[in-house]
Every structure is written in structure tokens, then in C-alpha cells.
Amino acid sequence: MVTYLIIAAVSLVTISAFSNREVYNKLMFNPYQIKHSNQWYRFISHAFIHANWEHLIFNMLTLYFFGVFVESAFALHFGSKAIPMYITEFLLASIVSSIPSFLKHKDNYAYNAVGASGAVSAILYTSILFEPLNKIYLFFIPIGIPAFVFGIIYLAYSAYMSKRNADNIGHDAHFWGAVFGFAFPLIFKPNLLENFINIVKEYF
């Protein structure tokens, strides 16, 4: 499955970059270098490196849990186009989720960001579109939360934390990656939105 290949690729590049700071610096998302040195590849390359082991493991576990399901859903709805669409979503989500940070920090040489969080958020929210009543379990909370409820809470939290700008977490990337991931399949099959709404109605 392509999810496994992406996990392997991201893990290998990240682990290699851990021991080679020059490579790490060339791959990270630096809006200043993108704008002033035309290093546009950084919109994608930053998704293949992570800040530390915890960052890598969390993102790859999340991708594993939801990515395999999304692959199956794509195969069901889009047939032979499933794999190209999945890869395209992952890469485009890396770009789209980084645009707000690029616009904010394009003249800030010191700003850097790494991680596949935007792309992983996209895959997570694609899964919510397909199965809004799936249960999502958070750490230390033994009761599953319906996926659509989690989706609303997480979007609100990401928007709030982005405005606060009180930590080094890329909340903009999480937010816009999520929005993109929900919208991406609708471009090709708009009636999925009606299906989503009908399923959510059943919850009430």
C-alpha cells in the first residue's frame, strides 16, 4: 500500500537528515529562502523531515491509522485513479497547508518549519469525510469521539492557537491541511458532501 511507502520514505529521509545538518537545513521550510532564492522545492521537502523522534513517530502513526483507510475509500470511489489521487493529495496538502506561513514569514530569515503535519491532517480529514461517525480515541480518554465532532473541535482549536501564536507548533498547517483534505475528494465527487451530511444527520 502507498501509505506504507510514504511512511518509509518520510522515515528514511528524516532519520538520514538527523545525522546530516546540512541536508536538514536544505530541506526545511524556510519562506525567506523560498522567496529570495527561489527554493520552491521546500514547500514539499519539509514534509519529509521532522523535528525529533516524537514528532516523526506521532505523524507516521497517525498517517498509518487513517491513511490505510483513505486508500481503501479512494479505491472504492475512484478505482484506478486511487493511488495517483492519494499521492497527489499528500503532496498538494504539504504545499497548500504551508502557504499561510509563507505569506506571514516570507521576509523572516529566521523562520523555519518541518514535518508532514499538514499532509497528515489532510489525510485525517479525508477519512472524516468518508466516515464521519468513526470513533477517534484521544490520549488518556477511553471514550471514542465521533470523527466529525473531533474534526470540529480540532479545527476550532487550531484556529484559536494560530491566532494566539504562543508556541512553535504549525497550527496554520494543521488547519489548512485539514480543510484541504476534506475538500480534495469533493473536487472529483461532489456528492460525497451530501453523503457526509446524511450520515451526520443519523447521529442526531
C-alpha atoms as a PDB file:
ATOM      1  CA  MET A   1       0.000   0.000   0.000  1.00  0.00           C
ATOM      2  CA  VAL A   2       1.145   3.507  -0.821  1.00  0.00           C
ATOM      3  CA  THR A   3       0.678   4.628   2.795  1.00  0.00           C
ATOM      4  CA  TYR A   4       3.441   2.251   3.840  1.00  0.00           C
ATOM      5  CA  LEU A   5       5.712   3.582   1.080  1.00  0.00           C
ATOM      6  CA  ILE A   6       5.147   7.185   2.178  1.00  0.00           C
ATOM      7  CA  ILE A   7       5.811   6.272   5.808  1.00  0.00           C
ATOM      8  CA  ALA A   8       9.014   4.501   4.778  1.00  0.00           C
ATOM      9  CA  ALA A   9      10.170   7.409   2.600  1.00  0.00           C
ATOM     10  CA  VAL A  10       9.465  10.060   5.238  1.00  0.00           C
ATOM     11  CA  SER A  11      11.097   7.988   7.971  1.00  0.00           C
ATOM     12  CA  LEU A  12      14.225   7.267   5.925  1.00  0.00           C
ATOM     13  CA  VAL A  13      14.704  10.893   4.879  1.00  0.00           C
ATOM     14  CA  THR A  14      14.080  12.157   8.422  1.00  0.00           C
ATOM     15  CA  ILE A  15      16.472   9.686  10.022  1.00  0.00           C
ATOM     16  CA  SER A  16      19.137  10.468   7.417  1.00  0.00           C
ATOM     17  CA  ALA A  17      18.700  14.201   7.960  1.00  0.00           C
ATOM     18  CA  PHE A  18      19.059  13.789  11.730  1.00  0.00           C
ATOM     19  CA  SER A  19      22.723  12.958  11.165  1.00  0.00           C
ATOM     20  CA  ASN A  20      23.356  15.499   8.401  1.00  0.00           C
ATOM     21  CA  ARG A  21      22.556  19.040   9.442  1.00  0.00           C
ATOM     22  CA  GLU A  22      23.405  20.469   6.029  1.00  0.00           C
ATOM     23  CA  VAL A  23      20.788  18.275   4.355  1.00  0.00           C
ATOM     24  CA  TYR A  24      18.295  19.017   7.132  1.00  0.00           C
ATOM     25  CA  ASN A  25      18.723  22.770   6.628  1.00  0.00           C
ATOM     26  CA  LYS A  26      18.245  22.452   2.870  1.00  0.00           C
ATOM     27  CA  LEU A  27      15.003  20.506   3.242  1.00  0.00           C
ATOM     28  CA  MET A  28      13.247  22.519   5.977  1.00  0.00           C
ATOM     29  CA  PHE A  29      10.530  25.032   5.183  1.00  0.00           C
ATOM     30  CA  ASN A  30      12.126  28.479   5.113  1.00  0.00           C
ATOM     31  CA  PRO A  31       9.850  31.075   3.471  1.00  0.00           C
ATOM     32  CA  TYR A  32      12.700  33.582   3.152  1.00  0.00           C
ATOM     33  CA  GLN A  33      14.801  31.172   1.102  1.00  0.00           C
ATOM     34  CA  ILE A  34      11.777  30.244  -0.984  1.00  0.00           C
ATOM     35  CA  LYS A  35      11.032  33.858  -1.851  1.00  0.00           C
ATOM     36  CA  HIS A  36      14.537  35.278  -2.173  1.00  0.00           C
ATOM     37  CA  SER A  37      16.390  32.225  -3.531  1.00  0.00           C
ATOM     38  CA  ASN A  38      13.546  30.585  -5.476  1.00  0.00           C
ATOM     39  CA  GLN A  39      13.862  27.369  -3.474  1.00  0.00           C
ATOM     40  CA  TRP A  40      10.281  26.342  -4.162  1.00  0.00           C
ATOM     41  CA  TYR A  41      11.017  22.662  -3.541  1.00  0.00           C
ATOM     42  CA  ARG A  42      10.903  23.429   0.196  1.00  0.00           C
ATOM     43  CA  PHE A  43       7.087  23.504   0.001  1.00  0.00           C
ATOM     44  CA  ILE A  44       7.278  19.713  -0.342  1.00  0.00           C
ATOM     45  CA  SER A  45      10.664  18.715   1.070  1.00  0.00           C
ATOM     46  CA  HIS A  46       9.851  19.947   4.585  1.00  0.00           C
ATOM     47  CA  ALA A  47       7.190  17.227   4.881  1.00  0.00           C
ATOM     48  CA  PHE A  48       9.894  14.570   4.691  1.00  0.00           C
ATOM     49  CA  ILE A  49      11.830  15.710   7.765  1.00  0.00           C
ATOM     50  CA  HIS A  50      10.780  16.110  11.396  1.00  0.00           C
ATOM     51  CA  ALA A  51      11.978  17.946  14.475  1.00  0.00           C
ATOM     52  CA  ASN A  52      12.655  14.840  16.572  1.00  0.00           C
ATOM     53  CA  TRP A  53      11.719  11.193  17.044  1.00  0.00           C
ATOM     54  CA  GLU A  54       8.471  12.012  18.863  1.00  0.00           C
ATOM     55  CA  HIS A  55       7.370  14.299  16.035  1.00  0.00           C
ATOM     56  CA  LEU A  56       8.163  11.654  13.423  1.00  0.00           C
ATOM     57  CA  ILE A  57       6.518   8.770  15.285  1.00  0.00           C
ATOM     58  CA  PHE A  58       3.327  10.707  16.059  1.00  0.00           C
ATOM     59  CA  ASN A  59       2.846  11.831  12.458  1.00  0.00           C
ATOM     60  CA  MET A  60       3.637   8.424  10.984  1.00  0.00           C
ATOM     61  CA  LEU A  61       1.345   6.599  13.400  1.00  0.00           C
ATOM     62  CA  THR A  62      -1.479   8.994  12.551  1.00  0.00           C
ATOM     63  CA  LEU A  63      -0.811   8.516   8.843  1.00  0.00           C
ATOM     64  CA  TYR A  64      -0.827   4.750   9.320  1.00  0.00           C
ATOM     65  CA  PHE A  65      -4.121   4.659  11.220  1.00  0.00           C
ATOM     66  CA  PHE A  66      -6.018   6.881   8.788  1.00  0.00           C
ATOM     67  CA  GLY A  67      -4.057   6.566   5.559  1.00  0.00           C
ATOM     68  CA  VAL A  68      -4.770   2.883   5.018  1.00  0.00           C
ATOM     69  CA  PHE A  69      -8.499   3.548   5.357  1.00  0.00           C
ATOM     70  CA  VAL A  70      -8.351   6.504   2.948  1.00  0.00           C
ATOM     71  CA  GLU A  71      -6.542   4.343   0.400  1.00  0.00           C
ATOM     72  CA  SER A  72      -9.365   1.811   0.568  1.00  0.00           C
ATOM     73  CA  ALA A  73     -12.014   4.533   0.314  1.00  0.00           C
ATOM     74  CA  PHE A  74     -10.274   6.047  -2.717  1.00  0.00           C
ATOM     75  CA  ALA A  75     -10.098   2.621  -4.368  1.00  0.00           C
ATOM     76  CA  LEU A  76     -13.825   2.144  -3.776  1.00  0.00           C
ATOM     77  CA  HIS A  77     -14.861   5.555  -5.100  1.00  0.00           C
ATOM     78  CA  PHE A  78     -12.208   6.335  -7.709  1.00  0.00           C
ATOM     79  CA  GLY A  79     -10.964   2.952  -8.907  1.00  0.00           C
ATOM     80  CA  SER A  80      -7.691   3.025 -10.854  1.00  0.00           C
ATOM     81  CA  LYS A  81      -7.211   6.721 -10.039  1.00  0.00           C
ATOM     82  CA  ALA A  82      -6.983   5.993  -6.311  1.00  0.00           C
ATOM     83  CA  ILE A  83      -3.204   5.752  -5.927  1.00  0.00           C
ATOM     84  CA  PRO A  84      -2.349   8.833  -8.057  1.00  0.00           C
ATOM     85  CA  MET A  85      -5.028  10.797  -6.197  1.00  0.00           C
ATOM     86  CA  TYR A  86      -3.723   9.717  -2.802  1.00  0.00           C
ATOM     87  CA  ILE A  87      -0.146  10.709  -3.629  1.00  0.00           C
ATOM     88  CA  THR A  88      -1.343  13.972  -5.175  1.00  0.00           C
ATOM     89  CA  GLU A  89      -3.361  14.813  -2.076  1.00  0.00           C
ATOM     90  CA  PHE A  90      -0.404  14.182   0.222  1.00  0.00           C
ATOM     91  CA  LEU A  91       1.940  16.379  -1.830  1.00  0.00           C
ATOM     92  CA  LEU A  92      -0.574  19.142  -2.544  1.00  0.00           C
ATOM     93  CA  ALA A  93      -1.589  19.248   1.113  1.00  0.00           C
ATOM     94  CA  SER A  94       2.059  19.831   2.029  1.00  0.00           C
ATOM     95  CA  ILE A  95       2.056  22.839  -0.283  1.00  0.00           C
ATOM     96  CA  VAL A  96      -1.382  24.280   0.464  1.00  0.00           C
ATOM     97  CA  SER A  97      -1.023  23.972   4.237  1.00  0.00           C
ATOM     98  CA  SER A  98       2.261  25.914   4.085  1.00  0.00           C
ATOM     99  CA  ILE A  99       1.011  28.886   2.073  1.00  0.00           C
ATOM    100  CA  PRO A 100      -0.280  30.899   5.086  1.00  0.00           C
ATOM    101  CA  SER A 101       3.077  30.534   6.857  1.00  0.00           C
ATOM    102  CA  PHE A 102       4.866  31.505   3.656  1.00  0.00           C
ATOM    103  CA  LEU A 103       2.813  34.684   3.359  1.00  0.00           C
ATOM    104  CA  LYS A 104       3.386  35.557   7.028  1.00  0.00           C
ATOM    105  CA  HIS A 105       7.108  34.845   7.158  1.00  0.00           C
ATOM    106  CA  LYS A 106       8.464  35.316   3.618  1.00  0.00           C
ATOM    107  CA  ASP A 107      10.762  38.104   4.795  1.00  0.00           C
ATOM    108  CA  ASN A 108      11.745  36.473   8.083  1.00  0.00           C
ATOM    109  CA  TYR A 109      15.054  34.691   7.570  1.00  0.00           C
ATOM    110  CA  ALA A 110      14.887  33.016  10.996  1.00  0.00           C
ATOM    111  CA  TYR A 111      11.551  31.239  10.485  1.00  0.00           C
ATOM    112  CA  ASN A 112      11.755  27.510   9.801  1.00  0.00           C
ATOM    113  CA  ALA A 113       9.245  24.659   9.915  1.00  0.00           C
ATOM    114  CA  VAL A 114       9.434  20.911   9.399  1.00  0.00           C
ATOM    115  CA  GLY A 115       7.075  17.963   9.401  1.00  0.00           C
ATOM    116  CA  ALA A 116       4.282  16.261   7.485  1.00  0.00           C
ATOM    117  CA  SER A 117       1.590  17.550   9.843  1.00  0.00           C
ATOM    118  CA  GLY A 118      -0.271  19.475   7.138  1.00  0.00           C
ATOM    119  CA  ALA A 119      -0.391  16.465   4.829  1.00  0.00           C
ATOM    120  CA  VAL A 120      -1.284  14.097   7.664  1.00  0.00           C
ATOM    121  CA  SER A 121      -4.098  16.425   8.767  1.00  0.00           C
ATOM    122  CA  ALA A 122      -5.375  16.305   5.194  1.00  0.00           C
ATOM    123  CA  ILE A 123      -5.494  12.509   5.197  1.00  0.00           C
ATOM    124  CA  LEU A 124      -7.199  12.527   8.604  1.00  0.00           C
ATOM    125  CA  TYR A 125      -9.935  14.880   7.400  1.00  0.00           C
ATOM    126  CA  THR A 126     -10.421  12.916   4.199  1.00  0.00           C
ATOM    127  CA  SER A 127     -11.198   9.947   6.428  1.00  0.00           C
ATOM    128  CA  ILE A 128     -13.692  12.099   8.348  1.00  0.00           C
ATOM    129  CA  LEU A 129     -15.437  12.979   5.080  1.00  0.00           C
ATOM    130  CA  PHE A 130     -15.866   9.308   4.210  1.00  0.00           C
ATOM    131  CA  GLU A 131     -16.731   8.009   7.690  1.00  0.00           C
ATOM    132  CA  PRO A 132     -17.870  10.875   9.947  1.00  0.00           C
ATOM    133  CA  LEU A 133     -19.164   8.528  12.650  1.00  0.00           C
ATOM    134  CA  ASN A 134     -15.926   6.587  13.073  1.00  0.00           C
ATOM    135  CA  LYS A 135     -14.685   6.813  16.642  1.00  0.00           C
ATOM    136  CA  ILE A 136     -11.429   8.654  17.322  1.00  0.00           C
ATOM    137  CA  TYR A 137      -9.708   7.979  20.625  1.00  0.00           C
ATOM    138  CA  LEU A 138      -7.563  10.671  22.231  1.00  0.00           C
ATOM    139  CA  PHE A 139      -4.769  10.037  24.687  1.00  0.00           C
ATOM    140  CA  PHE A 140      -5.992   9.398  28.237  1.00  0.00           C
ATOM    141  CA  ILE A 141      -9.651   9.461  27.109  1.00  0.00           C
ATOM    142  CA  PRO A 142     -11.078   5.918  26.907  1.00  0.00           C
ATOM    143  CA  ILE A 143     -14.308   7.015  25.205  1.00  0.00           C
ATOM    144  CA  GLY A 144     -14.281   7.368  21.424  1.00  0.00           C
ATOM    145  CA  ILE A 145     -15.341  10.688  19.902  1.00  0.00           C
ATOM    146  CA  PRO A 146     -17.301  10.668  16.610  1.00  0.00           C
ATOM    147  CA  ALA A 147     -14.914  11.734  13.880  1.00  0.00           C
ATOM    148  CA  PHE A 148     -16.983  14.725  12.763  1.00  0.00           C
ATOM    149  CA  VAL A 149     -17.118  16.042  16.346  1.00  0.00           C
ATOM    150  CA  PHE A 150     -13.368  15.642  16.689  1.00  0.00           C
ATOM    151  CA  GLY A 151     -12.965  17.422  13.351  1.00  0.00           C
ATOM    152  CA  ILE A 152     -14.921  20.460  14.506  1.00  0.00           C
ATOM    153  CA  ILE A 153     -13.077  20.660  17.830  1.00  0.00           C
ATOM    154  CA  TYR A 154      -9.666  20.268  16.207  1.00  0.00           C
ATOM    155  CA  LEU A 155     -10.349  22.948  13.590  1.00  0.00           C
ATOM    156  CA  ALA A 156     -11.539  25.383  16.258  1.00  0.00           C
ATOM    157  CA  TYR A 157      -8.511  24.624  18.420  1.00  0.00           C
ATOM    158  CA  SER A 158      -6.080  25.057  15.512  1.00  0.00           C
ATOM    159  CA  ALA A 159      -7.660  28.381  14.524  1.00  0.00           C
ATOM    160  CA  TYR A 160      -7.548  29.642  18.119  1.00  0.00           C
ATOM    161  CA  MET A 161      -3.941  28.590  18.690  1.00  0.00           C
ATOM    162  CA  SER A 162      -2.876  30.045  15.363  1.00  0.00           C
ATOM    163  CA  LYS A 163      -4.246  33.445  16.390  1.00  0.00           C
ATOM    164  CA  ARG A 164      -2.567  33.223  19.804  1.00  0.00           C
ATOM    165  CA  ASN A 165       0.783  32.353  18.207  1.00  0.00           C
ATOM    166  CA  ALA A 166       2.022  31.234  21.624  1.00  0.00           C
ATOM    167  CA  ASP A 167       4.067  28.159  20.699  1.00  0.00           C
ATOM    168  CA  ASN A 168       6.236  26.690  17.957  1.00  0.00           C
ATOM    169  CA  ILE A 169       3.573  24.353  16.571  1.00  0.00           C
ATOM    170  CA  GLY A 170       2.372  24.919  12.995  1.00  0.00           C
ATOM    171  CA  HIS A 171      -1.319  25.381  13.747  1.00  0.00           C
ATOM    172  CA  ASP A 172      -1.851  27.100  10.388  1.00  0.00           C
ATOM    173  CA  ALA A 173      -0.574  23.988   8.630  1.00  0.00           C
ATOM    174  CA  HIS A 174      -2.852  21.770  10.703  1.00  0.00           C
ATOM    175  CA  PHE A 175      -5.891  23.932   9.962  1.00  0.00           C
ATOM    176  CA  TRP A 176      -5.415  24.391   6.232  1.00  0.00           C
ATOM    177  CA  GLY A 177      -4.205  20.840   5.722  1.00  0.00           C
ATOM    178  CA  ALA A 178      -7.429  19.657   7.347  1.00  0.00           C
ATOM    179  CA  VAL A 179      -9.603  21.928   5.198  1.00  0.00           C
ATOM    180  CA  PHE A 180      -7.800  20.823   2.052  1.00  0.00           C
ATOM    181  CA  GLY A 181      -8.102  17.148   2.957  1.00  0.00           C
ATOM    182  CA  PHE A 182     -11.850  17.435   3.471  1.00  0.00           C
ATOM    183  CA  ALA A 183     -12.322  19.336   0.206  1.00  0.00           C
ATOM    184  CA  PHE A 184      -9.974  17.357  -2.057  1.00  0.00           C
ATOM    185  CA  PRO A 185     -12.224  14.324  -2.753  1.00  0.00           C
ATOM    186  CA  LEU A 186     -15.206  16.652  -3.274  1.00  0.00           C
ATOM    187  CA  ILE A 187     -13.483  18.135  -6.319  1.00  0.00           C
ATOM    188  CA  PHE A 188     -13.814  14.778  -8.043  1.00  0.00           C
ATOM    189  CA  LYS A 189     -17.049  13.543  -6.459  1.00  0.00           C
ATOM    190  CA  PRO A 190     -19.166  16.418  -5.064  1.00  0.00           C
ATOM    191  CA  ASN A 191     -21.996  14.126  -3.938  1.00  0.00           C
ATOM    192  CA  LEU A 192     -19.718  12.871  -1.156  1.00  0.00           C
ATOM    193  CA  LEU A 193     -20.703  16.023   0.748  1.00  0.00           C
ATOM    194  CA  GLU A 194     -24.386  15.065   0.632  1.00  0.00           C
ATOM    195  CA  ASN A 195     -23.450  11.591   1.818  1.00  0.00           C
ATOM    196  CA  PHE A 196     -21.430  13.104   4.689  1.00  0.00           C
ATOM    197  CA  ILE A 197     -24.342  15.312   5.763  1.00  0.00           C
ATOM    198  CA  ASN A 198     -26.816  12.434   5.660  1.00  0.00           C
ATOM    199  CA  ILE A 199     -24.559  10.248   7.805  1.00  0.00           C
ATOM    200  CA  VAL A 200     -24.076  13.035  10.360  1.00  0.00           C
ATOM    201  CA  LYS A 201     -27.855  13.537  10.499  1.00  0.00           C
ATOM    202  CA  GLU A 202     -28.219   9.900  11.521  1.00  0.00           C
ATOM    203  CA  TYR A 203     -26.148  10.655  14.628  1.00  0.00           C
ATOM    204  CA  PHE A 204     -28.812  13.047  15.858  1.00  0.00           C
END
